[in-house]
Amino acid sequence: MQCQECGKRPATLHFTKIVNGDKTEFHLCDACAKERGEIIPGTSNGFSIHNLISGLLDFDLNHPGQIHGAEPKQPKCNECGMTYAQFSKMGRFGCSSCYDYFSPRLDALLRRIHGNTAHVGKIPLRTGGALHARKQLEQLRAKLAQAVQNEEFEKAAFLRDEIRKLEKQA
């Protein structure tokens, strides 16, 4: 693939930028990336994966073990003793209990990275029949709760009947 800027050299830097749901892909050579001020991994002005993860986790590199604007106390996992700062450095947890223990921070992290905490992607048609039905039931139940809350009882009754039909099919 050729560089999108100059069209002369092969593209060595490929990145995708998503702003407000608009996806833009860039394919640049080293020279054009340097001219645009883009950071190239592996060069003198590159970044480490540690810097990337630390930035995503709001981990302060200047004060290891401290979250931006937070006091230096470090909560630890009850099972393995891992701190959130250690997770930030390593990029993985020490045990399965860490997921539960650091769950409030993970929700915020996932929301910041992916925009949501639940997968909302496509479901394969050939293998996702049950998964598709379960997802549809969840959506209908959420709409039902909203209709009841808004006192839209006719709509709620219709949604209740749809939920019952789907439950019988499953």
N, C-alpha and C. Protein backbone atom coordinates (compact mmCIF):
# COMPACT_ATOMS: atom_id res chain seq x y z
N MET A 1 0.85 -1.17 0.00
CA MET A 1 0.00 0.00 0.00
C MET A 1 0.90 1.24 0.00
N GLN A 2 0.55 2.20 -0.82
CA GLN A 2 1.32 3.43 -0.95
C GLN A 2 0.85 4.48 0.07
N CYS A 3 1.75 5.40 0.38
CA CYS A 3 1.45 6.50 1.30
C CYS A 3 0.36 7.37 0.71
N GLN A 4 -0.62 7.77 1.53
CA GLN A 4 -1.72 8.61 1.07
C GLN A 4 -1.29 10.06 0.85
N GLU A 5 -0.21 10.49 1.52
CA GLU A 5 0.25 11.87 1.39
C GLU A 5 1.04 12.08 0.10
N CYS A 6 2.16 11.33 -0.01
CA CYS A 6 3.06 11.56 -1.14
C CYS A 6 2.78 10.64 -2.31
N GLY A 7 2.26 9.45 -2.07
CA GLY A 7 1.97 8.50 -3.12
C GLY A 7 3.21 7.87 -3.73
N LYS A 8 4.39 8.12 -3.13
CA LYS A 8 5.66 7.62 -3.68
C LYS A 8 6.21 6.44 -2.90
N ARG A 9 6.17 6.52 -1.60
CA ARG A 9 6.79 5.51 -0.74
C ARG A 9 5.72 4.59 -0.16
N PRO A 10 6.15 3.38 0.26
CA PRO A 10 5.18 2.46 0.89
C PRO A 10 4.76 2.98 2.26
N ALA A 11 3.50 2.78 2.58
CA ALA A 11 2.96 3.21 3.87
C ALA A 11 3.45 2.25 4.95
N THR A 12 4.01 2.82 6.02
CA THR A 12 4.50 2.01 7.13
C THR A 12 3.73 2.29 8.41
N LEU A 13 2.98 3.37 8.45
CA LEU A 13 2.17 3.72 9.62
C LEU A 13 0.71 3.67 9.20
N HIS A 14 -0.04 2.78 9.83
CA HIS A 14 -1.46 2.60 9.53
C HIS A 14 -2.23 2.83 10.82
N PHE A 15 -3.14 3.77 10.85
CA PHE A 15 -3.94 3.97 12.04
C PHE A 15 -5.33 4.43 11.66
N THR A 16 -6.26 4.16 12.57
CA THR A 16 -7.66 4.50 12.38
C THR A 16 -8.05 5.50 13.45
N LYS A 17 -8.72 6.55 13.04
CA LYS A 17 -9.17 7.58 13.96
C LYS A 17 -10.69 7.61 13.91
N ILE A 18 -11.34 7.51 15.09
CA ILE A 18 -12.79 7.54 15.16
C ILE A 18 -13.19 8.72 16.04
N VAL A 19 -13.87 9.69 15.44
CA VAL A 19 -14.33 10.86 16.15
C VAL A 19 -15.82 10.99 15.92
N ASN A 20 -16.60 10.95 17.01
CA ASN A 20 -18.06 11.05 16.94
C ASN A 20 -18.66 10.05 15.95
N GLY A 21 -18.12 8.85 15.93
CA GLY A 21 -18.65 7.79 15.07
C GLY A 21 -18.15 7.84 13.64
N ASP A 22 -17.39 8.88 13.26
CA ASP A 22 -16.83 8.97 11.91
C ASP A 22 -15.46 8.33 11.89
N LYS A 23 -15.30 7.29 11.07
CA LYS A 23 -14.06 6.52 11.01
C LYS A 23 -13.20 7.02 9.85
N THR A 24 -11.93 7.33 10.15
CA THR A 24 -10.99 7.77 9.14
C THR A 24 -9.73 6.92 9.25
N GLU A 25 -9.30 6.35 8.14
CA GLU A 25 -8.08 5.54 8.15
C GLU A 25 -6.96 6.31 7.48
N PHE A 26 -5.76 6.22 8.06
CA PHE A 26 -4.59 6.88 7.51
C PHE A 26 -3.52 5.84 7.22
N HIS A 27 -2.86 5.99 6.08
CA HIS A 27 -1.76 5.12 5.68
C HIS A 27 -0.64 6.03 5.21
N LEU A 28 0.42 6.16 6.02
CA LEU A 28 1.49 7.12 5.75
C LEU A 28 2.85 6.45 5.75
N CYS A 29 3.79 7.03 5.01
CA CYS A 29 5.17 6.58 5.08
C CYS A 29 5.85 7.30 6.25
N ASP A 30 7.07 6.86 6.60
CA ASP A 30 7.77 7.46 7.74
C ASP A 30 7.96 8.96 7.57
N ALA A 31 8.39 9.37 6.38
CA ALA A 31 8.69 10.79 6.14
C ALA A 31 7.44 11.66 6.27
N CYS A 32 6.35 11.25 5.67
CA CYS A 32 5.11 12.04 5.74
C CYS A 32 4.54 12.05 7.15
N ALA A 33 4.69 10.94 7.86
CA ALA A 33 4.20 10.89 9.25
C ALA A 33 4.98 11.87 10.11
N LYS A 34 6.31 11.95 9.90
CA LYS A 34 7.13 12.89 10.65
C LYS A 34 6.74 14.33 10.33
N GLU A 35 6.45 14.61 9.05
CA GLU A 35 6.04 15.96 8.65
C GLU A 35 4.72 16.35 9.30
N ARG A 36 3.80 15.39 9.40
CA ARG A 36 2.49 15.67 10.01
C ARG A 36 2.55 15.67 11.53
N GLY A 37 3.69 15.20 12.08
CA GLY A 37 3.83 15.18 13.53
C GLY A 37 3.24 13.95 14.17
N GLU A 38 2.96 12.91 13.41
CA GLU A 38 2.43 11.67 13.97
C GLU A 38 3.56 10.91 14.65
N ILE A 39 3.24 10.18 15.70
CA ILE A 39 4.24 9.42 16.45
C ILE A 39 4.42 8.06 15.80
N ILE A 40 5.67 7.69 15.57
CA ILE A 40 5.97 6.41 14.93
C ILE A 40 6.59 5.47 15.96
N PRO A 41 5.94 4.34 16.24
CA PRO A 41 6.50 3.40 17.21
C PRO A 41 7.85 2.87 16.76
N GLY A 42 8.76 2.70 17.72
CA GLY A 42 10.06 2.13 17.40
C GLY A 42 11.11 3.15 17.00
N THR A 43 10.75 4.42 16.90
CA THR A 43 11.72 5.45 16.55
C THR A 43 12.04 6.26 17.80
N SER A 44 12.94 7.20 17.65
CA SER A 44 13.36 7.98 18.81
C SER A 44 12.22 8.80 19.40
N ASN A 45 11.25 9.19 18.59
CA ASN A 45 10.11 9.95 19.13
C ASN A 45 8.89 9.07 19.30
N GLY A 46 9.08 7.73 19.31
CA GLY A 46 7.96 6.80 19.43
C GLY A 46 7.46 6.68 20.85
N PHE A 47 6.53 5.79 21.04
CA PHE A 47 5.96 5.58 22.37
C PHE A 47 6.06 4.10 22.70
N SER A 48 6.00 3.82 23.98
CA SER A 48 6.01 2.42 24.39
C SER A 48 4.58 1.99 24.66
N ILE A 49 4.34 0.70 24.66
CA ILE A 49 3.00 0.20 24.97
C ILE A 49 2.64 0.56 26.40
N HIS A 50 3.65 0.67 27.27
CA HIS A 50 3.41 1.09 28.66
C HIS A 50 2.81 2.49 28.69
N ASN A 51 3.35 3.41 27.89
CA ASN A 51 2.80 4.77 27.84
C ASN A 51 1.36 4.76 27.34
N LEU A 52 1.07 3.90 26.38
CA LEU A 52 -0.29 3.82 25.85
C LEU A 52 -1.26 3.33 26.92
N ILE A 53 -0.93 2.23 27.57
CA ILE A 53 -1.82 1.68 28.60
C ILE A 53 -1.95 2.65 29.76
N SER A 54 -0.83 3.26 30.16
CA SER A 54 -0.88 4.21 31.27
C SER A 54 -1.79 5.37 30.95
N GLY A 55 -1.74 5.85 29.73
CA GLY A 55 -2.62 6.95 29.34
C GLY A 55 -4.08 6.55 29.36
N LEU A 56 -4.38 5.33 28.93
CA LEU A 56 -5.75 4.86 28.94
C LEU A 56 -6.28 4.67 30.35
N LEU A 57 -5.39 4.28 31.26
CA LEU A 57 -5.81 4.01 32.62
C LEU A 57 -5.71 5.22 33.54
N ASP A 58 -5.32 6.38 33.01
CA ASP A 58 -5.11 7.59 33.80
C ASP A 58 -4.03 7.38 34.85
N PHE A 59 -3.04 6.62 34.52
CA PHE A 59 -1.95 6.34 35.44
C PHE A 59 -0.88 7.40 35.23
N ASP A 60 -0.41 8.02 36.30
CA ASP A 60 0.55 9.11 36.22
C ASP A 60 1.96 8.54 36.16
N LEU A 61 2.64 8.70 35.01
CA LEU A 61 3.99 8.17 34.85
C LEU A 61 5.01 8.94 35.70
N ASN A 62 4.73 10.19 35.99
CA ASN A 62 5.65 10.99 36.78
C ASN A 62 5.64 10.60 38.25
N HIS A 63 4.54 10.01 38.71
CA HIS A 63 4.41 9.57 40.09
C HIS A 63 3.91 8.13 40.09
N PRO A 64 4.81 7.15 39.83
CA PRO A 64 4.37 5.77 39.76
C PRO A 64 3.58 5.36 41.00
N GLY A 65 2.49 4.63 40.76
CA GLY A 65 1.65 4.18 41.86
C GLY A 65 0.58 5.18 42.23
N GLN A 66 0.46 6.27 41.47
CA GLN A 66 -0.54 7.29 41.80
C GLN A 66 -1.38 7.60 40.57
N ILE A 67 -2.69 7.64 40.75
CA ILE A 67 -3.62 8.01 39.70
C ILE A 67 -3.68 9.53 39.68
N HIS A 68 -3.88 10.11 38.47
CA HIS A 68 -3.95 11.57 38.35
C HIS A 68 -4.92 12.15 39.37
N GLY A 69 -4.44 13.08 40.19
CA GLY A 69 -5.29 13.79 41.14
C GLY A 69 -5.74 12.96 42.33
N ALA A 70 -5.17 11.77 42.50
CA ALA A 70 -5.62 10.90 43.60
C ALA A 70 -4.57 10.86 44.70
N GLU A 71 -4.99 10.44 45.85
CA GLU A 71 -4.07 10.24 46.97
C GLU A 71 -3.26 8.98 46.70
N PRO A 72 -2.05 8.86 47.27
CA PRO A 72 -1.20 7.72 46.97
C PRO A 72 -1.66 6.36 47.51
N LYS A 73 -2.75 6.27 48.26
CA LYS A 73 -3.17 4.96 48.78
C LYS A 73 -3.57 4.05 47.62
N GLN A 74 -3.20 2.78 47.74
CA GLN A 74 -3.42 1.82 46.68
C GLN A 74 -4.28 0.66 47.17
N PRO A 75 -5.51 0.56 46.71
CA PRO A 75 -6.31 -0.61 47.08
C PRO A 75 -5.73 -1.85 46.40
N LYS A 76 -5.85 -2.99 47.08
CA LYS A 76 -5.30 -4.24 46.57
C LYS A 76 -6.40 -5.27 46.42
N CYS A 77 -6.21 -6.16 45.49
CA CYS A 77 -7.12 -7.30 45.33
C CYS A 77 -7.01 -8.17 46.57
N ASN A 78 -8.14 -8.62 47.08
CA ASN A 78 -8.15 -9.44 48.29
C ASN A 78 -7.51 -10.81 48.08
N GLU A 79 -7.53 -11.33 46.86
CA GLU A 79 -7.01 -12.67 46.59
C GLU A 79 -5.51 -12.68 46.33
N CYS A 80 -5.05 -11.86 45.37
CA CYS A 80 -3.65 -11.93 44.95
C CYS A 80 -2.82 -10.74 45.41
N GLY A 81 -3.46 -9.68 45.90
CA GLY A 81 -2.73 -8.52 46.39
C GLY A 81 -2.30 -7.54 45.31
N MET A 82 -2.74 -7.74 44.08
CA MET A 82 -2.35 -6.83 43.00
C MET A 82 -3.04 -5.48 43.17
N THR A 83 -2.29 -4.40 42.88
CA THR A 83 -2.86 -3.06 42.92
C THR A 83 -3.22 -2.64 41.51
N TYR A 84 -4.04 -1.60 41.42
CA TYR A 84 -4.42 -1.08 40.10
C TYR A 84 -3.19 -0.53 39.38
N ALA A 85 -2.26 0.03 40.13
CA ALA A 85 -1.02 0.54 39.53
C ALA A 85 -0.22 -0.59 38.89
N GLN A 86 -0.17 -1.74 39.55
CA GLN A 86 0.53 -2.89 38.98
C GLN A 86 -0.17 -3.36 37.70
N PHE A 87 -1.50 -3.37 37.71
CA PHE A 87 -2.25 -3.72 36.51
C PHE A 87 -1.92 -2.74 35.39
N SER A 88 -1.82 -1.45 35.71
CA SER A 88 -1.51 -0.44 34.71
C SER A 88 -0.16 -0.70 34.06
N LYS A 89 0.81 -1.14 34.86
CA LYS A 89 2.14 -1.40 34.33
C LYS A 89 2.18 -2.67 33.49
N MET A 90 1.54 -3.74 33.98
CA MET A 90 1.61 -5.04 33.32
C MET A 90 0.60 -5.20 32.20
N GLY A 91 -0.57 -4.58 32.36
CA GLY A 91 -1.61 -4.72 31.36
C GLY A 91 -2.43 -5.98 31.50
N ARG A 92 -2.27 -6.71 32.61
CA ARG A 92 -3.09 -7.90 32.87
C ARG A 92 -3.23 -8.08 34.37
N PHE A 93 -4.29 -8.78 34.77
CA PHE A 93 -4.56 -8.99 36.18
C PHE A 93 -3.84 -10.22 36.70
N GLY A 94 -3.77 -10.29 38.03
CA GLY A 94 -3.09 -11.41 38.68
C GLY A 94 -3.98 -12.61 38.89
N CYS A 95 -5.30 -12.39 39.03
CA CYS A 95 -6.22 -13.51 39.25
C CYS A 95 -7.61 -13.11 38.77
N SER A 96 -8.52 -14.06 38.79
CA SER A 96 -9.88 -13.79 38.32
C SER A 96 -10.64 -12.85 39.25
N SER A 97 -10.26 -12.80 40.52
CA SER A 97 -10.94 -11.90 41.46
C SER A 97 -10.65 -10.44 41.18
N CYS A 98 -9.53 -10.16 40.51
CA CYS A 98 -9.18 -8.77 40.18
C CYS A 98 -10.28 -8.12 39.32
N TYR A 99 -10.90 -8.90 38.45
CA TYR A 99 -11.96 -8.36 37.59
C TYR A 99 -13.12 -7.83 38.43
N ASP A 100 -13.50 -8.60 39.45
CA ASP A 100 -14.58 -8.16 40.33
C ASP A 100 -14.13 -6.99 41.21
N TYR A 101 -12.92 -7.08 41.74
CA TYR A 101 -12.44 -6.09 42.68
C TYR A 101 -12.26 -4.72 42.01
N PHE A 102 -11.71 -4.70 40.79
CA PHE A 102 -11.45 -3.44 40.09
C PHE A 102 -12.55 -3.10 39.10
N SER A 103 -13.69 -3.76 39.19
CA SER A 103 -14.80 -3.58 38.26
C SER A 103 -15.23 -2.13 38.05
N PRO A 104 -15.36 -1.30 39.09
CA PRO A 104 -15.77 0.09 38.84
C PRO A 104 -14.80 0.85 37.94
N ARG A 105 -13.52 0.60 38.11
CA ARG A 105 -12.52 1.26 37.27
C ARG A 105 -12.53 0.67 35.86
N LEU A 106 -12.80 -0.62 35.74
CA LEU A 106 -12.82 -1.25 34.43
C LEU A 106 -13.98 -0.75 33.59
N ASP A 107 -15.15 -0.55 34.22
CA ASP A 107 -16.29 -0.02 33.48
C ASP A 107 -15.94 1.33 32.86
N ALA A 108 -15.31 2.19 33.65
CA ALA A 108 -14.92 3.51 33.14
C ALA A 108 -13.90 3.38 32.03
N LEU A 109 -12.94 2.46 32.19
CA LEU A 109 -11.92 2.24 31.18
C LEU A 109 -12.53 1.73 29.87
N LEU A 110 -13.40 0.73 29.97
CA LEU A 110 -14.04 0.18 28.77
C LEU A 110 -14.91 1.23 28.08
N ARG A 111 -15.61 2.03 28.87
CA ARG A 111 -16.44 3.08 28.29
C ARG A 111 -15.57 4.08 27.53
N ARG A 112 -14.39 4.40 28.10
CA ARG A 112 -13.50 5.37 27.46
C ARG A 112 -12.88 4.78 26.18
N ILE A 113 -12.51 3.51 26.21
CA ILE A 113 -11.87 2.89 25.05
C ILE A 113 -12.87 2.54 23.96
N HIS A 114 -13.97 1.88 24.32
CA HIS A 114 -14.91 1.35 23.34
C HIS A 114 -16.21 2.14 23.22
N GLY A 115 -16.47 3.04 24.16
CA GLY A 115 -17.70 3.80 24.12
C GLY A 115 -18.86 3.10 24.79
N ASN A 116 -18.65 1.87 25.26
CA ASN A 116 -19.72 1.11 25.89
C ASN A 116 -19.10 0.00 26.73
N THR A 117 -19.87 -0.58 27.62
CA THR A 117 -19.35 -1.70 28.41
C THR A 117 -19.94 -3.03 27.97
N ALA A 118 -20.84 -3.00 27.02
CA ALA A 118 -21.43 -4.24 26.48
C ALA A 118 -21.16 -4.29 24.98
N HIS A 119 -20.89 -5.49 24.48
CA HIS A 119 -20.64 -5.66 23.06
C HIS A 119 -21.92 -5.42 22.28
N VAL A 120 -21.85 -4.58 21.28
CA VAL A 120 -23.03 -4.27 20.47
C VAL A 120 -22.76 -4.54 19.00
N GLY A 121 -21.78 -5.38 18.72
CA GLY A 121 -21.41 -5.69 17.34
C GLY A 121 -22.37 -6.65 16.68
N LYS A 122 -21.99 -7.06 15.49
CA LYS A 122 -22.82 -7.97 14.72
C LYS A 122 -22.73 -9.39 15.27
N ILE A 123 -23.77 -10.15 15.04
CA ILE A 123 -23.83 -11.55 15.45
C ILE A 123 -23.85 -12.40 14.18
N PRO A 124 -22.97 -13.40 14.06
CA PRO A 124 -22.97 -14.24 12.87
C PRO A 124 -24.31 -14.94 12.70
N LEU A 125 -24.84 -14.94 11.49
CA LEU A 125 -26.16 -15.52 11.23
C LEU A 125 -26.19 -17.02 11.46
N ARG A 126 -25.12 -17.74 11.04
CA ARG A 126 -25.17 -19.21 11.10
C ARG A 126 -25.02 -19.76 12.51
N THR A 127 -24.39 -19.01 13.43
CA THR A 127 -24.18 -19.55 14.77
C THR A 127 -24.85 -18.73 15.86
N GLY A 128 -25.42 -17.62 15.53
CA GLY A 128 -25.91 -16.72 16.57
C GLY A 128 -27.40 -16.71 16.79
N GLY A 129 -28.12 -17.78 16.44
CA GLY A 129 -29.57 -17.79 16.60
C GLY A 129 -30.01 -17.55 18.03
N ALA A 130 -29.47 -18.34 18.96
CA ALA A 130 -29.84 -18.21 20.36
C ALA A 130 -29.35 -16.89 20.94
N LEU A 131 -28.15 -16.49 20.54
CA LEU A 131 -27.60 -15.23 21.03
C LEU A 131 -28.42 -14.05 20.52
N HIS A 132 -28.83 -14.14 19.27
CA HIS A 132 -29.65 -13.07 18.69
C HIS A 132 -30.98 -12.95 19.42
N ALA A 133 -31.60 -14.11 19.73
CA ALA A 133 -32.88 -14.11 20.45
C ALA A 133 -32.72 -13.54 21.85
N ARG A 134 -31.63 -13.92 22.53
CA ARG A 134 -31.38 -13.40 23.88
C ARG A 134 -31.17 -11.89 23.86
N LYS A 135 -30.43 -11.41 22.86
CA LYS A 135 -30.19 -9.98 22.74
C LYS A 135 -31.50 -9.23 22.45
N GLN A 136 -32.33 -9.82 21.61
CA GLN A 136 -33.61 -9.21 21.29
C GLN A 136 -34.51 -9.17 22.53
N LEU A 137 -34.48 -10.23 23.34
CA LEU A 137 -35.25 -10.25 24.59
C LEU A 137 -34.77 -9.15 25.54
N GLU A 138 -33.46 -8.98 25.66
CA GLU A 138 -32.92 -7.93 26.53
C GLU A 138 -33.41 -6.55 26.08
N GLN A 139 -33.38 -6.32 24.77
CA GLN A 139 -33.82 -5.03 24.24
C GLN A 139 -35.31 -4.81 24.52
N LEU A 140 -36.12 -5.85 24.30
CA LEU A 140 -37.55 -5.72 24.55
C LEU A 140 -37.85 -5.48 26.02
N ARG A 141 -37.11 -6.16 26.90
CA ARG A 141 -37.32 -5.95 28.34
C ARG A 141 -36.94 -4.53 28.76
N ALA A 142 -35.89 -4.01 28.16
CA ALA A 142 -35.49 -2.62 28.47
C ALA A 142 -36.56 -1.64 27.98
N LYS A 143 -37.11 -1.91 26.79
CA LYS A 143 -38.18 -1.05 26.27
C LYS A 143 -39.43 -1.16 27.14
N LEU A 144 -39.72 -2.38 27.61
CA LEU A 144 -40.88 -2.59 28.48
C LEU A 144 -40.73 -1.79 29.78
N ALA A 145 -39.56 -1.87 30.38
CA ALA A 145 -39.32 -1.12 31.63
C ALA A 145 -39.48 0.38 31.39
N GLN A 146 -38.99 0.85 30.26
CA GLN A 146 -39.10 2.28 29.94
C GLN A 146 -40.57 2.66 29.71
N ALA A 147 -41.31 1.80 29.03
CA ALA A 147 -42.73 2.08 28.78
C ALA A 147 -43.52 2.12 30.09
N VAL A 148 -43.24 1.20 31.00
CA VAL A 148 -43.92 1.20 32.30
C VAL A 148 -43.56 2.46 33.08
N GLN A 149 -42.30 2.82 33.05
CA GLN A 149 -41.85 4.02 33.76
C GLN A 149 -42.53 5.28 33.21
N ASN A 150 -42.74 5.31 31.89
CA ASN A 150 -43.40 6.45 31.24
C ASN A 150 -44.92 6.33 31.26
N GLU A 151 -45.42 5.28 31.90
CA GLU A 151 -46.85 5.02 32.01
C GLU A 151 -47.53 4.88 30.65
N GLU A 152 -46.82 4.24 29.72
CA GLU A 152 -47.37 3.93 28.40
C GLU A 152 -47.81 2.47 28.43
N PHE A 153 -48.97 2.23 29.05
CA PHE A 153 -49.37 0.87 29.36
C PHE A 153 -49.79 0.05 28.15
N GLU A 154 -50.34 0.69 27.12
CA GLU A 154 -50.69 -0.06 25.91
C GLU A 154 -49.43 -0.57 25.21
N LYS A 155 -48.45 0.30 25.14
CA LYS A 155 -47.17 -0.10 24.54
C LYS A 155 -46.52 -1.20 25.40
N ALA A 156 -46.62 -1.05 26.72
CA ALA A 156 -46.04 -2.04 27.63
C ALA A 156 -46.71 -3.40 27.45
N ALA A 157 -48.03 -3.42 27.27
CA ALA A 157 -48.75 -4.68 27.07
C ALA A 157 -48.32 -5.35 25.77
N PHE A 158 -48.14 -4.55 24.72
CA PHE A 158 -47.68 -5.08 23.43
C PHE A 158 -46.28 -5.67 23.58
N LEU A 159 -45.39 -4.96 24.26
CA LEU A 159 -44.03 -5.45 24.46
C LEU A 159 -44.02 -6.71 25.31
N ARG A 160 -44.89 -6.77 26.33
CA ARG A 160 -45.00 -7.96 27.17
C ARG A 160 -45.39 -9.17 26.32
N ASP A 161 -46.34 -8.98 25.41
CA ASP A 161 -46.78 -10.08 24.54
C ASP A 161 -45.64 -10.51 23.61
N GLU A 162 -44.89 -9.58 23.09
CA GLU A 162 -43.76 -9.90 22.21
C GLU A 162 -42.70 -10.70 22.98
N ILE A 163 -42.45 -10.31 24.21
CA ILE A 163 -41.48 -11.02 25.05
C ILE A 163 -41.94 -12.45 25.29
N ARG A 164 -43.22 -12.63 25.56
CA ARG A 164 -43.76 -13.98 25.79
C ARG A 164 -43.63 -14.85 24.54
N LYS A 165 -43.88 -14.27 23.37
CA LYS A 165 -43.74 -15.03 22.12
C LYS A 165 -42.30 -15.48 21.95
N LEU A 166 -41.36 -14.59 22.16
CA LEU A 166 -39.95 -14.94 22.01
C LEU A 166 -39.51 -15.99 23.02
N GLU A 167 -40.01 -15.88 24.24
CA GLU A 167 -39.64 -16.85 25.27
C GLU A 167 -40.18 -18.24 24.93
N LYS A 168 -41.35 -18.32 24.31
CA LYS A 168 -41.90 -19.63 23.91
C LYS A 168 -41.08 -20.24 22.78
N GLN A 169 -40.57 -19.40 21.89
CA GLN A 169 -39.75 -19.89 20.77
C GLN A 169 -38.42 -20.43 21.25
N ALA A 170 -37.91 -19.86 22.33
CA ALA A 170 -36.59 -20.28 22.85
C ALA A 170 -36.70 -21.51 23.64
